[in-house]
Protein backbone atom coordinates (compact mmCIF):
# COMPACT_ATOMS: atom_id res chain seq x y z
CA UNK A 1 -54.09 96.60 25.77
CA UNK A 2 -51.03 98.22 24.07
CA UNK A 3 -49.05 96.89 27.35
CA UNK A 4 -50.55 93.14 26.56
CA UNK A 5 -49.36 93.50 22.97
CA UNK A 6 -45.76 94.48 23.92
CA UNK A 7 -45.61 91.57 26.30
CA UNK A 8 -46.74 89.14 23.77
CA UNK A 9 -44.07 90.18 21.09
CA UNK A 10 -41.25 90.01 24.09
CA UNK A 11 -42.37 86.49 24.74
CA UNK A 12 -42.35 85.55 21.28
CA UNK A 13 -38.91 86.99 20.59
CA UNK A 14 -37.63 84.89 23.36
CA UNK A 15 -39.21 81.80 22.10
CA UNK A 16 -37.54 82.29 18.60
CA UNK A 17 -34.08 83.25 20.26
CA UNK A 18 -34.47 79.79 22.26
CA UNK A 19 -35.22 77.84 18.77
CA UNK A 20 -32.49 79.34 17.18
CA UNK A 21 -29.69 78.59 20.16
CA UNK A 22 -31.18 74.92 20.34
CA UNK A 23 -30.77 74.53 16.57
CA UNK A 24 -27.22 75.83 16.50
CA UNK A 25 -26.27 73.47 19.43
CA UNK A 26 -27.68 70.52 17.43
CA UNK A 27 -25.85 71.50 14.04
CA UNK A 28 -22.66 72.00 15.88
CA UNK A 29 -20.20 69.26 14.63
CA UNK A 30 -18.65 66.84 17.07
CA UNK A 31 -15.23 67.22 18.28
CA UNK A 32 -12.24 65.28 16.87
CA UNK A 33 -12.08 63.08 20.18
CA UNK A 34 -15.87 62.18 19.61
CA UNK A 35 -16.55 59.04 17.12
CA UNK A 36 -19.36 57.96 15.26
CA UNK A 37 -20.80 54.65 16.57
CA UNK A 38 -19.81 51.82 14.15
CA UNK A 39 -21.85 48.89 13.05
CA UNK A 40 -20.27 46.01 14.56
CA UNK A 41 -22.04 43.49 12.24
CA UNK A 42 -20.11 42.22 9.60
CA UNK A 43 -21.57 41.50 6.05
CA UNK A 44 -22.80 37.87 5.13
CA UNK A 45 -20.50 38.13 2.11
CA UNK A 46 -17.21 38.72 3.92
CA UNK A 47 -18.08 36.26 6.56
CA UNK A 48 -18.74 33.70 3.51
CA UNK A 49 -15.23 34.52 1.89
CA UNK A 50 -13.41 33.91 5.34
CA UNK A 51 -14.70 30.55 5.44
CA UNK A 52 -13.90 29.79 1.96
CA UNK A 53 -10.28 30.81 2.45
CA UNK A 54 -9.90 28.92 5.69
CA UNK A 55 -11.44 25.95 4.09
CA UNK A 56 -8.92 26.28 1.14
CA UNK A 57 -5.98 26.54 3.86
CA UNK A 58 -7.25 23.75 5.36
CA UNK A 59 -7.45 21.34 2.19
CA UNK A 60 -3.88 22.40 1.17
CA UNK A 61 -2.51 21.59 4.70
CA UNK A 62 -3.98 18.26 4.52
CA UNK A 63 -2.51 17.55 0.91
CA UNK A 64 1.03 18.95 2.09
CA UNK A 65 0.70 16.55 5.45
CA UNK A 66 -0.25 13.76 3.09
CA UNK A 67 2.67 14.23 0.74
CA UNK A 68 5.12 14.52 3.90
CA UNK A 69 3.67 11.10 5.21
CA UNK A 70 4.30 9.55 2.06
CA UNK A 71 7.93 10.67 1.79
CA UNK A 72 8.40 9.93 5.34
CA UNK A 73 7.17 6.38 4.57
CA UNK A 74 9.24 5.70 1.27
CA UNK A 75 12.14 7.06 3.41
CA UNK A 76 11.48 4.43 6.17
CA UNK A 77 11.18 1.65 3.44
CA UNK A 78 14.39 2.53 1.72
CA UNK A 79 16.09 2.75 4.97
CA UNK A 80 14.71 -0.68 6.08
CA UNK A 81 15.77 -2.10 2.86
CA UNK A 82 19.19 -0.87 3.43
CA UNK A 83 19.28 -2.03 6.80
CA UNK A 84 18.15 -5.61 5.68
CA UNK A 85 20.88 -5.80 2.82
CA UNK A 86 23.46 -4.86 5.32
CA UNK A 87 22.45 -7.56 7.57
CA UNK A 88 22.28 -10.15 4.80
CA UNK A 89 25.85 -8.81 3.79
CA UNK A 90 27.12 -9.02 7.26
CA UNK A 91 25.81 -12.52 7.53
CA UNK A 92 27.29 -13.68 4.34
CA UNK A 93 30.62 -12.19 5.17
CA UNK A 94 30.49 -14.02 8.54
CA UNK A 95 29.64 -17.25 6.64
CA UNK A 96 32.55 -16.93 4.17
CA UNK A 97 35.13 -16.18 6.93
CA UNK A 98 34.06 -19.29 8.78
CA UNK A 99 34.11 -21.33 5.73
CA UNK A 100 37.77 -20.23 4.53
CA UNK A 101 38.97 -21.00 8.05
CA UNK A 102 37.93 -24.54 7.75
CA UNK A 103 39.03 -25.37 4.22
CA UNK A 104 42.77 -26.45 5.14
CA UNK A 105 41.07 -28.92 7.16
CA UNK A 106 39.07 -30.10 4.40
CA UNK A 107 42.02 -29.93 2.25
CA UNK A 108 43.66 -32.17 4.61
CA UNK A 109 41.12 -35.20 4.19
CA UNK A 110 41.41 -36.18 0.86
CA UNK A 111 45.23 -36.40 1.03
CA UNK A 112 44.80 -38.64 4.21
CA UNK A 113 42.48 -40.93 2.52
CA UNK A 114 44.64 -41.01 -0.52
CA UNK A 115 47.53 -42.33 1.64
CA UNK A 116 45.94 -45.17 2.43
CA UNK A 117 46.17 -47.63 -0.70
CA UNK A 118 43.00 -49.61 -1.46
CA UNK A 119 45.17 -52.82 -1.09
CA UNK A 120 45.77 -51.89 2.54
CA UNK A 121 42.34 -52.03 3.46
CA UNK A 122 41.62 -55.16 1.88
CA UNK A 123 44.77 -57.13 2.66
CA UNK A 124 45.96 -58.52 5.99
CA UNK A 125 43.66 -59.61 8.97
CA UNK A 126 43.63 -58.82 12.72
CA UNK A 127 43.29 -56.15 14.90
CA UNK A 128 45.76 -53.79 12.66
CA UNK A 129 43.42 -54.16 9.49
CA UNK A 130 40.52 -53.50 11.76
CA UNK A 131 42.02 -50.46 13.14
CA UNK A 132 42.95 -49.24 9.77
CA UNK A 133 39.46 -49.65 8.46
CA UNK A 134 37.94 -48.11 11.46
CA UNK A 135 40.13 -44.77 10.77
CA UNK A 136 39.44 -44.79 7.06
CA UNK A 137 35.91 -44.97 7.47
CA UNK A 138 35.86 -42.18 10.35
CA UNK A 139 37.61 -39.86 7.79
CA UNK A 140 35.23 -40.58 5.00
CA UNK A 141 32.45 -39.69 7.37
CA UNK A 142 34.03 -36.46 8.72
CA UNK A 143 34.65 -35.46 5.17
CA UNK A 144 31.00 -36.22 4.20
CA UNK A 145 29.56 -34.33 7.14
CA UNK A 146 31.59 -31.32 6.82
CA UNK A 147 30.80 -31.06 2.97
CA UNK A 148 27.16 -31.55 3.85
CA UNK A 149 27.11 -29.06 6.53
CA UNK A 150 28.98 -26.45 4.03
CA UNK A 151 26.35 -27.47 1.44
CA UNK A 152 23.41 -26.39 3.42
CA UNK A 153 24.85 -22.85 4.00
CA UNK A 154 25.31 -22.95 0.14
CA UNK A 155 28.92 -23.60 0.33
CA UNK A 156 30.10 -26.39 -2.29
CA UNK A 157 33.05 -28.13 -3.25
CA UNK A 158 33.87 -27.81 -7.01
CA UNK A 159 36.20 -30.32 -8.80
CA UNK A 160 36.49 -28.94 -12.12
CA UNK A 161 38.37 -31.96 -13.92
CA UNK A 162 37.53 -32.14 -17.75
CA UNK A 163 36.09 -28.89 -17.87
CA UNK A 164 37.58 -26.06 -19.77
CA UNK A 165 40.27 -23.98 -17.85
CA UNK A 166 39.13 -20.36 -16.93
CA UNK A 167 41.32 -17.89 -14.89
CA UNK A 168 38.19 -16.73 -13.30
CA UNK A 169 37.30 -19.99 -11.31
CA UNK A 170 40.77 -21.92 -11.43
CA UNK A 171 44.36 -21.36 -10.43
CA UNK A 172 46.58 -23.20 -12.84
CA UNK A 173 49.66 -24.98 -11.11
CA UNK A 174 51.12 -26.30 -14.38
CA UNK A 175 50.31 -27.06 -18.00
CA UNK A 176 51.67 -30.14 -20.00
CA UNK A 177 50.91 -31.61 -23.50
CA UNK A 178 48.65 -34.64 -23.22
CA UNK A 179 47.81 -36.36 -26.49
CA UNK A 180 44.32 -37.14 -27.03
CA UNK A 181 43.08 -34.42 -24.40
CA UNK A 182 41.56 -30.96 -25.45
CA UNK A 183 43.78 -28.22 -25.20
CA UNK A 184 43.21 -25.83 -22.30
CA UNK A 185 40.96 -28.77 -20.49
CA UNK A 186 41.79 -29.49 -16.92
CA UNK A 187 43.70 -32.63 -16.52
CA UNK A 188 43.64 -32.85 -12.93
CA UNK A 189 42.31 -31.05 -9.60
CA UNK A 190 45.18 -30.81 -7.14
CA UNK A 191 43.00 -28.89 -4.60
CA UNK A 192 39.53 -28.60 -4.67
CA UNK A 193 37.74 -25.16 -5.29
CA UNK A 194 34.55 -23.84 -3.11
CA UNK A 195 31.96 -21.49 -3.96
CA UNK A 196 29.44 -19.77 -1.97
CA UNK A 197 26.12 -18.84 -3.64
CA UNK A 198 27.65 -19.08 -7.26
CA UNK A 199 30.55 -16.73 -6.23
CA UNK A 200 34.22 -18.20 -6.14
CA UNK A 201 35.22 -18.66 -2.19
CA UNK A 202 38.49 -20.47 -3.40
CA UNK A 203 39.86 -20.95 -6.83
CA UNK A 204 40.50 -24.63 -7.49
CA UNK A 205 44.09 -25.71 -8.19
CA UNK A 206 44.41 -27.52 -11.55
CA UNK A 207 46.91 -28.92 -14.19
CA UNK A 208 45.92 -27.69 -17.34
CA UNK A 209 46.61 -29.53 -20.82
CA UNK A 210 48.74 -27.68 -23.11
CA UNK A 211 48.05 -26.62 -26.50
CA UNK A 212 50.80 -27.54 -28.72
CA UNK A 213 49.82 -26.31 -31.82
């Protein structure tokens, strides 16, 4: 009986030691290399904030792209206008250059017509008179066609006889006092002037009435 009681006490002591050892192992802190597992699931609030931020950035990017496109379109329009103006200016320059090149021919035609007196056209008979009339009519037709072609391209002849003299539009060859005529008026036009779209292509050469007062 005494031996059984002693065996029980010994067995109880071993169980108690085992429980203490097990509890000590369970309570032992983990080493530095061992990390606690983390929850990989993000909170709903943080996901919503990220979505809002991404949306705001997308909206700002869209606004910036729209602004950049507007600037690009405006630049293209301005460039196109400049190009159109340059094309028009180049064309007008070419027209004016061509017109100036044929003005000497136009200057000769009136002189040629004036060199034939009206009496010579009506007097006489025969082949000579017929040839003279044909030549005169040809010169008149040539002058008319040239002036018409120039006018279709906005180039017009200007005869300022009777108008007031202006150095911006006329070139005075001489001045003379003429009774009964307004001072500073144009007495005669020795050489026609020409204008292109309202601009002076060549000033008319004129004689001016002198103011004697």
